[in-house]
């Protein structure tokens, strides 16, 4: 049986696993991601706090299946991969 602690995504900043995916506007993501594709909520909030300006973000509920989420992450990673010349 799979240990629930081994499920979810792996944060590329701190190495923790997480199960809640936060979707941010591209312009904000570009400012906080440091070129990484996957960040946990704690690292996202820490990076946003580091911007030094006040922000109010709204969370909307949109539930995706694990497979839909996995495919979106794969598409994002492929979109960020440079094409060979």
PDB file of N, CA and C in Angstrom:
ATOM      1  N   UNK A   1       0.835  -1.177   0.000  1.00  0.00           N
ATOM      2  CA  UNK A   1       0.000   0.000   0.000  1.00  0.00           C
ATOM      3  C   UNK A   1       0.885   1.247   0.000  1.00  0.00           C
ATOM      4  N   UNK A   2       0.495   2.243  -0.770  1.00  0.00           N
ATOM      5  CA  UNK A   2       1.282   3.467  -0.882  1.00  0.00           C
ATOM      6  C   UNK A   2       1.102   4.333   0.355  1.00  0.00           C
ATOM      7  N   UNK A   3       2.197   4.808   0.889  1.00  0.00           N
ATOM      8  CA  UNK A   3       2.156   5.713   2.034  1.00  0.00           C
ATOM      9  C   UNK A   3       1.635   7.071   1.567  1.00  0.00           C
ATOM     10  N   UNK A   4       0.572   7.617   2.189  1.00  0.00           N
ATOM     11  CA  UNK A   4       0.017   8.912   1.760  1.00  0.00           C
ATOM     12  C   UNK A   4       1.042  10.044   1.783  1.00  0.00           C
ATOM     13  N   UNK A   5       2.085   9.913   2.596  1.00  0.00           N
ATOM     14  CA  UNK A   5       3.113  10.959   2.641  1.00  0.00           C
ATOM     15  C   UNK A   5       3.956  10.988   1.371  1.00  0.00           C
ATOM     16  N   UNK A   6       3.900   9.898   0.575  1.00  0.00           N
ATOM     17  CA  UNK A   6       4.649   9.831  -0.674  1.00  0.00           C
ATOM     18  C   UNK A   6       3.840  10.313  -1.872  1.00  0.00           C
ATOM     19  N   UNK A   7       2.599  10.706  -1.648  1.00  0.00           N
ATOM     20  CA  UNK A   7       1.749  11.171  -2.731  1.00  0.00           C
ATOM     21  C   UNK A   7       1.855  12.682  -2.855  1.00  0.00           C
ATOM     22  N   UNK A   8       1.483  13.192  -4.001  1.00  0.00           N
ATOM     23  CA  UNK A   8       1.501  14.629  -4.225  1.00  0.00           C
ATOM     24  C   UNK A   8       2.702  15.040  -5.053  1.00  0.00           C
ATOM     25  N   UNK A   9       2.893  16.342  -5.137  1.00  0.00           N
ATOM     26  CA  UNK A   9       3.993  16.916  -5.912  1.00  0.00           C
ATOM     27  C   UNK A   9       5.169  17.215  -4.991  1.00  0.00           C
ATOM     28  N   UNK A  10       6.346  17.277  -5.551  1.00  0.00           N
ATOM     29  CA  UNK A  10       7.553  17.575  -4.797  1.00  0.00           C
ATOM     30  C   UNK A  10       7.953  19.021  -5.065  1.00  0.00           C
ATOM     31  N   UNK A  11       8.008  19.837  -4.018  1.00  0.00           N
ATOM     32  CA  UNK A  11       8.397  21.237  -4.159  1.00  0.00           C
ATOM     33  C   UNK A  11       9.859  21.313  -4.579  1.00  0.00           C
ATOM     34  N   UNK A  12      10.130  22.071  -5.637  1.00  0.00           N
ATOM     35  CA  UNK A  12      11.498  22.195  -6.139  1.00  0.00           C
ATOM     36  C   UNK A  12      12.322  23.205  -5.356  1.00  0.00           C
ATOM     37  N   UNK A  13      11.713  23.883  -4.396  1.00  0.00           N
ATOM     38  CA  UNK A  13      12.465  24.829  -3.568  1.00  0.00           C
ATOM     39  C   UNK A  13      12.874  24.201  -2.240  1.00  0.00           C
ATOM     40  N   UNK A  14      11.915  23.606  -1.517  1.00  0.00           N
ATOM     41  CA  UNK A  14      12.221  23.082  -0.180  1.00  0.00           C
ATOM     42  C   UNK A  14      12.285  21.564  -0.115  1.00  0.00           C
ATOM     43  N   UNK A  15      11.770  20.878  -1.147  1.00  0.00           N
ATOM     44  CA  UNK A  15      11.810  19.424  -1.176  1.00  0.00           C
ATOM     45  C   UNK A  15      10.643  18.738  -0.487  1.00  0.00           C
ATOM     46  N   UNK A  16       9.718  19.517   0.083  1.00  0.00           N
ATOM     47  CA  UNK A  16       8.551  18.916   0.731  1.00  0.00           C
ATOM     48  C   UNK A  16       7.535  18.453  -0.313  1.00  0.00           C
ATOM     49  N   UNK A  17       6.733  17.474   0.058  1.00  0.00           N
ATOM     50  CA  UNK A  17       5.626  17.041  -0.789  1.00  0.00           C
ATOM     51  C   UNK A  17       4.394  17.852  -0.420  1.00  0.00           C
ATOM     52  N   UNK A  18       3.554  18.128  -1.425  1.00  0.00           N
ATOM     53  CA  UNK A  18       2.314  18.865  -1.176  1.00  0.00           C
ATOM     54  C   UNK A  18       1.213  18.336  -2.072  1.00  0.00           C
ATOM     55  N   UNK A  19      -0.036  18.539  -1.628  1.00  0.00           N
ATOM     56  CA  UNK A  19      -1.185  18.012  -2.361  1.00  0.00           C
ATOM     57  C   UNK A  19      -2.122  19.106  -2.840  1.00  0.00           C
ATOM     58  N   UNK A  20      -1.922  20.335  -2.425  1.00  0.00           N
ATOM     59  CA  UNK A  20      -2.765  21.448  -2.852  1.00  0.00           C
ATOM     60  C   UNK A  20      -1.978  22.285  -3.841  1.00  0.00           C
ATOM     61  N   UNK A  21      -2.490  22.395  -5.055  1.00  0.00           N
ATOM     62  CA  UNK A  21      -1.821  23.131  -6.122  1.00  0.00           C
ATOM     63  C   UNK A  21      -2.409  24.539  -6.202  1.00  0.00           C
ATOM     64  N   UNK A  22      -1.573  25.541  -6.124  1.00  0.00           N
ATOM     65  CA  UNK A  22      -2.009  26.926  -6.241  1.00  0.00           C
ATOM     66  C   UNK A  22      -1.675  27.424  -7.642  1.00  0.00           C
ATOM     67  N   UNK A  23      -2.655  27.947  -8.328  1.00  0.00           N
ATOM     68  CA  UNK A  23      -2.459  28.475  -9.677  1.00  0.00           C
ATOM     69  C   UNK A  23      -2.378  29.992  -9.589  1.00  0.00           C
ATOM     70  N   UNK A  24      -1.296  30.552 -10.075  1.00  0.00           N
ATOM     71  CA  UNK A  24      -1.068  31.998 -10.006  1.00  0.00           C
ATOM     72  C   UNK A  24      -1.035  32.597 -11.403  1.00  0.00           C
ATOM     73  N   UNK A  25      -1.342  33.881 -11.504  1.00  0.00           N
ATOM     74  CA  UNK A  25      -1.179  34.549 -12.797  1.00  0.00           C
ATOM     75  C   UNK A  25       0.274  34.439 -13.265  1.00  0.00           C
ATOM     76  N   UNK A  26       0.476  34.286 -14.571  1.00  0.00           N
ATOM     77  CA  UNK A  26       1.818  34.089 -15.125  1.00  0.00           C
ATOM     78  C   UNK A  26       2.792  35.186 -14.712  1.00  0.00           C
ATOM     79  N   UNK A  27       2.339  36.432 -14.696  1.00  0.00           N
ATOM     80  CA  UNK A  27       3.252  37.533 -14.357  1.00  0.00           C
ATOM     81  C   UNK A  27       3.722  37.455 -12.904  1.00  0.00           C
ATOM     82  N   UNK A  28       2.859  37.015 -11.998  1.00  0.00           N
ATOM     83  CA  UNK A  28       3.266  36.838 -10.602  1.00  0.00           C
ATOM     84  C   UNK A  28       4.188  35.630 -10.484  1.00  0.00           C
ATOM     85  N   UNK A  29       3.833  34.532 -11.150  1.00  0.00           N
ATOM     86  CA  UNK A  29       4.670  33.329 -11.113  1.00  0.00           C
ATOM     87  C   UNK A  29       6.088  33.633 -11.599  1.00  0.00           C
ATOM     88  N   UNK A  30       6.196  34.414 -12.665  1.00  0.00           N
ATOM     89  CA  UNK A  30       7.520  34.759 -13.205  1.00  0.00           C
ATOM     90  C   UNK A  30       8.354  35.509 -12.172  1.00  0.00           C
ATOM     91  N   UNK A  31       7.708  36.281 -11.329  1.00  0.00           N
ATOM     92  CA  UNK A  31       8.437  37.070 -10.323  1.00  0.00           C
ATOM     93  C   UNK A  31       8.867  36.249  -9.118  1.00  0.00           C
ATOM     94  N   UNK A  32       8.148  35.177  -8.806  1.00  0.00           N
ATOM     95  CA  UNK A  32       8.438  34.446  -7.560  1.00  0.00           C
ATOM     96  C   UNK A  32       9.013  33.050  -7.757  1.00  0.00           C
ATOM     97  N   UNK A  33       8.910  32.470  -8.936  1.00  0.00           N
ATOM     98  CA  UNK A  33       9.242  31.053  -9.099  1.00  0.00           C
ATOM     99  C   UNK A  33      10.735  30.747  -9.151  1.00  0.00           C
ATOM    100  N   UNK A  34      11.545  31.727  -9.476  1.00  0.00           N
ATOM    101  CA  UNK A  34      12.973  31.465  -9.573  1.00  0.00           C
ATOM    102  C   UNK A  34      13.310  30.434 -10.637  1.00  0.00           C
ATOM    103  N   UNK A  35      12.471  30.338 -11.665  1.00  0.00           N
ATOM    104  CA  UNK A  35      12.707  29.389 -12.745  1.00  0.00           C
ATOM    105  C   UNK A  35      12.270  27.969 -12.445  1.00  0.00           C
ATOM    106  N   UNK A  36      11.679  27.754 -11.271  1.00  0.00           N
ATOM    107  CA  UNK A  36      11.203  26.415 -10.909  1.00  0.00           C
ATOM    108  C   UNK A  36       9.779  26.230 -11.424  1.00  0.00           C
ATOM    109  N   UNK A  37       9.365  24.982 -11.609  1.00  0.00           N
ATOM    110  CA  UNK A  37       8.017  24.682 -12.098  1.00  0.00           C
ATOM    111  C   UNK A  37       7.039  24.323 -10.998  1.00  0.00           C
ATOM    112  N   UNK A  38       7.523  23.776  -9.889  1.00  0.00           N
ATOM    113  CA  UNK A  38       6.646  23.296  -8.824  1.00  0.00           C
ATOM    114  C   UNK A  38       7.073  23.872  -7.483  1.00  0.00           C
ATOM    115  N   UNK A  39       6.189  24.629  -6.845  1.00  0.00           N
ATOM    116  CA  UNK A  39       6.439  25.176  -5.513  1.00  0.00           C
ATOM    117  C   UNK A  39       5.252  24.869  -4.615  1.00  0.00           C
ATOM    118  N   UNK A  40       5.531  24.524  -3.362  1.00  0.00           N
ATOM    119  CA  UNK A  40       4.464  24.283  -2.402  1.00  0.00           C
ATOM    120  C   UNK A  40       3.875  25.623  -1.951  1.00  0.00           C
ATOM    121  N   UNK A  41       2.733  25.549  -1.298  1.00  0.00           N
ATOM    122  CA  UNK A  41       2.063  26.761  -0.837  1.00  0.00           C
ATOM    123  C   UNK A  41       2.933  27.606   0.083  1.00  0.00           C
ATOM    124  N   UNK A  42       3.671  26.957   0.980  1.00  0.00           N
ATOM    125  CA  UNK A  42       4.525  27.701   1.907  1.00  0.00           C
ATOM    126  C   UNK A  42       5.609  28.471   1.154  1.00  0.00           C
ATOM    127  N   UNK A  43       6.241  27.834   0.168  1.00  0.00           N
ATOM    128  CA  UNK A  43       7.290  28.522  -0.597  1.00  0.00           C
ATOM    129  C   UNK A  43       6.710  29.633  -1.476  1.00  0.00           C
ATOM    130  N   UNK A  44       5.507  29.406  -2.010  1.00  0.00           N
ATOM    131  CA  UNK A  44       4.851  30.453  -2.799  1.00  0.00           C
ATOM    132  C   UNK A  44       4.585  31.663  -1.922  1.00  0.00           C
ATOM    133  N   UNK A  45       4.015  31.448  -0.747  1.00  0.00           N
ATOM    134  CA  UNK A  45       3.687  32.572   0.140  1.00  0.00           C
ATOM    135  C   UNK A  45       4.945  33.276   0.631  1.00  0.00           C
ATOM    136  N   UNK A  46       5.975  32.514   0.941  1.00  0.00           N
ATOM    137  CA  UNK A  46       7.242  33.120   1.379  1.00  0.00           C
ATOM    138  C   UNK A  46       7.824  33.996   0.279  1.00  0.00           C
ATOM    139  N   UNK A  47       7.794  33.511  -0.953  1.00  0.00           N
ATOM    140  CA  UNK A  47       8.320  34.285  -2.081  1.00  0.00           C
ATOM    141  C   UNK A  47       7.483  35.536  -2.319  1.00  0.00           C
ATOM    142  N   UNK A  48       6.161  35.417  -2.183  1.00  0.00           N
ATOM    143  CA  UNK A  48       5.300  36.583  -2.372  1.00  0.00           C
ATOM    144  C   UNK A  48       5.541  37.621  -1.279  1.00  0.00           C
ATOM    145  N   UNK A  49       5.726  37.164  -0.048  1.00  0.00           N
ATOM    146  CA  UNK A  49       6.046  38.085   1.043  1.00  0.00           C
ATOM    147  C   UNK A  49       7.359  38.804   0.757  1.00  0.00           C
ATOM    148  N   UNK A  50       8.291  38.108   0.118  1.00  0.00           N
ATOM    149  CA  UNK A  50       9.587  38.685  -0.202  1.00  0.00           C
ATOM    150  C   UNK A  50       9.535  39.780  -1.257  1.00  0.00           C
ATOM    151  N   UNK A  51       8.412  39.879  -1.972  1.00  0.00           N
ATOM    152  CA  UNK A  51       8.282  40.942  -2.971  1.00  0.00           C
ATOM    153  C   UNK A  51       8.206  42.319  -2.320  1.00  0.00           C
ATOM    154  N   UNK A  52       7.800  42.355  -1.045  1.00  0.00           N
ATOM    155  CA  UNK A  52       7.809  43.602  -0.307  1.00  0.00           C
ATOM    156  C   UNK A  52       6.627  44.516  -0.556  1.00  0.00           C
ATOM    157  N   UNK A  53       5.654  44.103  -1.344  1.00  0.00           N
ATOM    158  CA  UNK A  53       4.481  44.935  -1.565  1.00  0.00           C
ATOM    159  C   UNK A  53       3.245  44.189  -1.093  1.00  0.00           C
ATOM    160  N   UNK A  54       2.219  44.928  -0.793  1.00  0.00           N
ATOM    161  CA  UNK A  54       0.982  44.322  -0.318  1.00  0.00           C
ATOM    162  C   UNK A  54       0.213  43.731  -1.491  1.00  0.00           C
ATOM    163  N   UNK A  55      -0.355  42.558  -1.285  1.00  0.00           N
ATOM    164  CA  UNK A  55      -1.159  41.932  -2.329  1.00  0.00           C
ATOM    165  C   UNK A  55      -2.353  41.247  -1.686  1.00  0.00           C
ATOM    166  N   UNK A  56      -3.448  41.264  -2.372  1.00  0.00           N
ATOM    167  CA  UNK A  56      -4.638  40.524  -1.953  1.00  0.00           C
ATOM    168  C   UNK A  56      -5.009  39.598  -3.108  1.00  0.00           C
ATOM    169  N   UNK A  57      -4.975  38.310  -2.859  1.00  0.00           N
ATOM    170  CA  UNK A  57      -5.319  37.326  -3.873  1.00  0.00           C
ATOM    171  C   UNK A  57      -6.571  36.585  -3.438  1.00  0.00           C
ATOM    172  N   UNK A  58      -7.370  36.198  -4.389  1.00  0.00           N
ATOM    173  CA  UNK A  58      -8.589  35.462  -4.111  1.00  0.00           C
ATOM    174  C   UNK A  58      -8.420  34.025  -4.553  1.00  0.00           C
ATOM    175  N   UNK A  59      -8.863  33.118  -3.724  1.00  0.00           N
ATOM    176  CA  UNK A  59      -8.812  31.701  -4.059  1.00  0.00           C
ATOM    177  C   UNK A  59     -10.185  31.305  -4.575  1.00  0.00           C
ATOM    178  N   UNK A  60     -10.195  30.691  -5.744  1.00  0.00           N
ATOM    179  CA  UNK A  60     -11.456  30.171  -6.270  1.00  0.00           C
ATOM    180  C   UNK A  60     -11.368  28.659  -6.251  1.00  0.00           C
ATOM    181  N   UNK A  61     -12.465  28.028  -6.082  1.00  0.00           N
ATOM    182  CA  UNK A  61     -12.453  26.568  -6.000  1.00  0.00           C
ATOM    183  C   UNK A  61     -12.678  25.978  -7.374  1.00  0.00           C
ATOM    184  N   UNK A  62     -11.772  25.136  -7.752  1.00  0.00           N
ATOM    185  CA  UNK A  62     -11.852  24.386  -8.999  1.00  0.00           C
ATOM    186  C   UNK A  62     -11.141  23.068  -8.744  1.00  0.00           C
ATOM    187  N   UNK A  63     -11.890  22.050  -8.538  1.00  0.00           N
ATOM    188  CA  UNK A  63     -11.315  20.766  -8.169  1.00  0.00           C
ATOM    189  C   UNK A  63     -10.962  19.995  -9.433  1.00  0.00           C
ATOM    190  N   UNK A  64      -9.718  19.506  -9.461  1.00  0.00           N
ATOM    191  CA  UNK A  64      -9.250  18.680 -10.574  1.00  0.00           C
ATOM    192  C   UNK A  64      -8.925  17.298 -10.037  1.00  0.00           C
ATOM    193  N   UNK A  65      -9.056  16.328 -10.895  1.00  0.00           N
ATOM    194  CA  UNK A  65      -8.644  14.984 -10.507  1.00  0.00           C
ATOM    195  C   UNK A  65      -7.118  14.937 -10.475  1.00  0.00           C
ATOM    196  N   UNK A  66      -6.594  13.934  -9.822  1.00  0.00           N
ATOM    197  CA  UNK A  66      -5.138  13.764  -9.762  1.00  0.00           C
ATOM    198  C   UNK A  66      -4.554  13.629 -11.165  1.00  0.00           C
ATOM    199  N   UNK A  67      -5.262  12.933 -12.052  1.00  0.00           N
ATOM    200  CA  UNK A  67      -4.761  12.746 -13.423  1.00  0.00           C
ATOM    201  C   UNK A  67      -4.752  14.065 -14.186  1.00  0.00           C
ATOM    202  N   UNK A  68      -5.808  14.877 -14.042  1.00  0.00           N
ATOM    203  CA  UNK A  68      -5.843  16.194 -14.704  1.00  0.00           C
ATOM    204  C   UNK A  68      -4.704  17.078 -14.208  1.00  0.00           C
ATOM    205  N   UNK A  69      -4.466  17.048 -12.919  1.00  0.00           N
ATOM    206  CA  UNK A  69      -3.385  17.844 -12.331  1.00  0.00           C
ATOM    207  C   UNK A  69      -2.030  17.368 -12.847  1.00  0.00           C
ATOM    208  N   UNK A  70      -1.826  16.052 -12.887  1.00  0.00           N
ATOM    209  CA  UNK A  70      -0.560  15.492 -13.378  1.00  0.00           C
ATOM    210  C   UNK A  70      -0.320  15.899 -14.827  1.00  0.00           C
ATOM    211  N   UNK A  71      -1.350  15.822 -15.648  1.00  0.00           N
ATOM    212  CA  UNK A  71      -1.207  16.187 -17.055  1.00  0.00           C
ATOM    213  C   UNK A  71      -0.914  17.680 -17.219  1.00  0.00           C
ATOM    214  N   UNK A  72      -1.513  18.512 -16.391  1.00  0.00           N
ATOM    215  CA  UNK A  72      -1.244  19.950 -16.473  1.00  0.00           C
ATOM    216  C   UNK A  72       0.215  20.241 -16.118  1.00  0.00           C
ATOM    217  N   UNK A  73       0.732  19.539 -15.103  1.00  0.00           N
ATOM    218  CA  UNK A  73       2.141  19.730 -14.731  1.00  0.00           C
ATOM    219  C   UNK A  73       3.068  19.265 -15.847  1.00  0.00           C
ATOM    220  N   UNK A  74       2.727  18.164 -16.482  1.00  0.00           N
ATOM    221  CA  UNK A  74       3.537  17.667 -17.599  1.00  0.00           C
ATOM    222  C   UNK A  74       3.527  18.679 -18.742  1.00  0.00           C
ATOM    223  N   UNK A  75       2.335  19.203 -19.081  1.00  0.00           N
ATOM    224  CA  UNK A  75       2.247  20.201 -20.158  1.00  0.00           C
ATOM    225  C   UNK A  75       3.060  21.443 -19.811  1.00  0.00           C
ATOM    226  N   UNK A  76       2.993  21.886 -18.563  1.00  0.00           N
ATOM    227  CA  UNK A  76       3.750  23.078 -18.156  1.00  0.00           C
ATOM    228  C   UNK A  76       5.250  22.825 -18.285  1.00  0.00           C
ATOM    229  N   UNK A  77       5.695  21.650 -17.840  1.00  0.00           N
ATOM    230  CA  UNK A  77       7.123  21.321 -17.934  1.00  0.00           C
ATOM    231  C   UNK A  77       7.562  21.265 -19.390  1.00  0.00           C
ATOM    232  N   UNK A  78       6.727  20.677 -20.257  1.00  0.00           N
ATOM    233  CA  UNK A  78       7.074  20.607 -21.677  1.00  0.00           C
ATOM    234  C   UNK A  78       7.078  21.989 -22.316  1.00  0.00           C
ATOM    235  N   UNK A  79       6.164  22.855 -21.918  1.00  0.00           N
ATOM    236  CA  UNK A  79       6.129  24.212 -22.450  1.00  0.00           C
ATOM    237  C   UNK A  79       7.380  24.993 -22.107  1.00  0.00           C
ATOM    238  N   UNK A  80       7.992  24.658 -20.936  1.00  0.00           N
ATOM    239  CA  UNK A  80       9.191  25.367 -20.484  1.00  0.00           C
ATOM    240  C   UNK A  80      10.467  24.763 -21.026  1.00  0.00           C
ATOM    241  N   UNK A  81      10.362  23.638 -21.742  1.00  0.00           N
ATOM    242  CA  UNK A  81      11.545  22.973 -22.280  1.00  0.00           C
ATOM    243  C   UNK A  81      11.933  23.611 -23.615  1.00  0.00           C
ATOM    244  N   UNK A  82      13.168  24.088 -23.725  1.00  0.00           N
ATOM    245  CA  UNK A  82      13.588  24.693 -25.013  1.00  0.00           C
ATOM    246  C   UNK A  82      13.556  23.657 -26.138  1.00  0.00           C
ATOM    247  N   UNK A  83      13.115  24.095 -27.278  1.00  0.00           N
ATOM    248  CA  UNK A  83      13.085  23.209 -28.435  1.00  0.00           C
ATOM    249  C   UNK A  83      14.482  23.141 -29.062  1.00  0.00           C
ATOM    250  N   UNK A  84      14.891  21.970 -29.547  1.00  0.00           N
ATOM    251  CA  UNK A  84      16.209  21.866 -30.191  1.00  0.00           C
ATOM    252  C   UNK A  84      16.265  22.707 -31.469  1.00  0.00           C
ATOM    253  N   UNK A  85      17.435  23.236 -31.762  1.00  0.00           N
ATOM    254  CA  UNK A  85      17.601  24.084 -32.962  1.00  0.00           C
ATOM    255  C   UNK A  85      17.688  23.265 -34.218  1.00  0.00           C
TER     256      UNK A  85
END
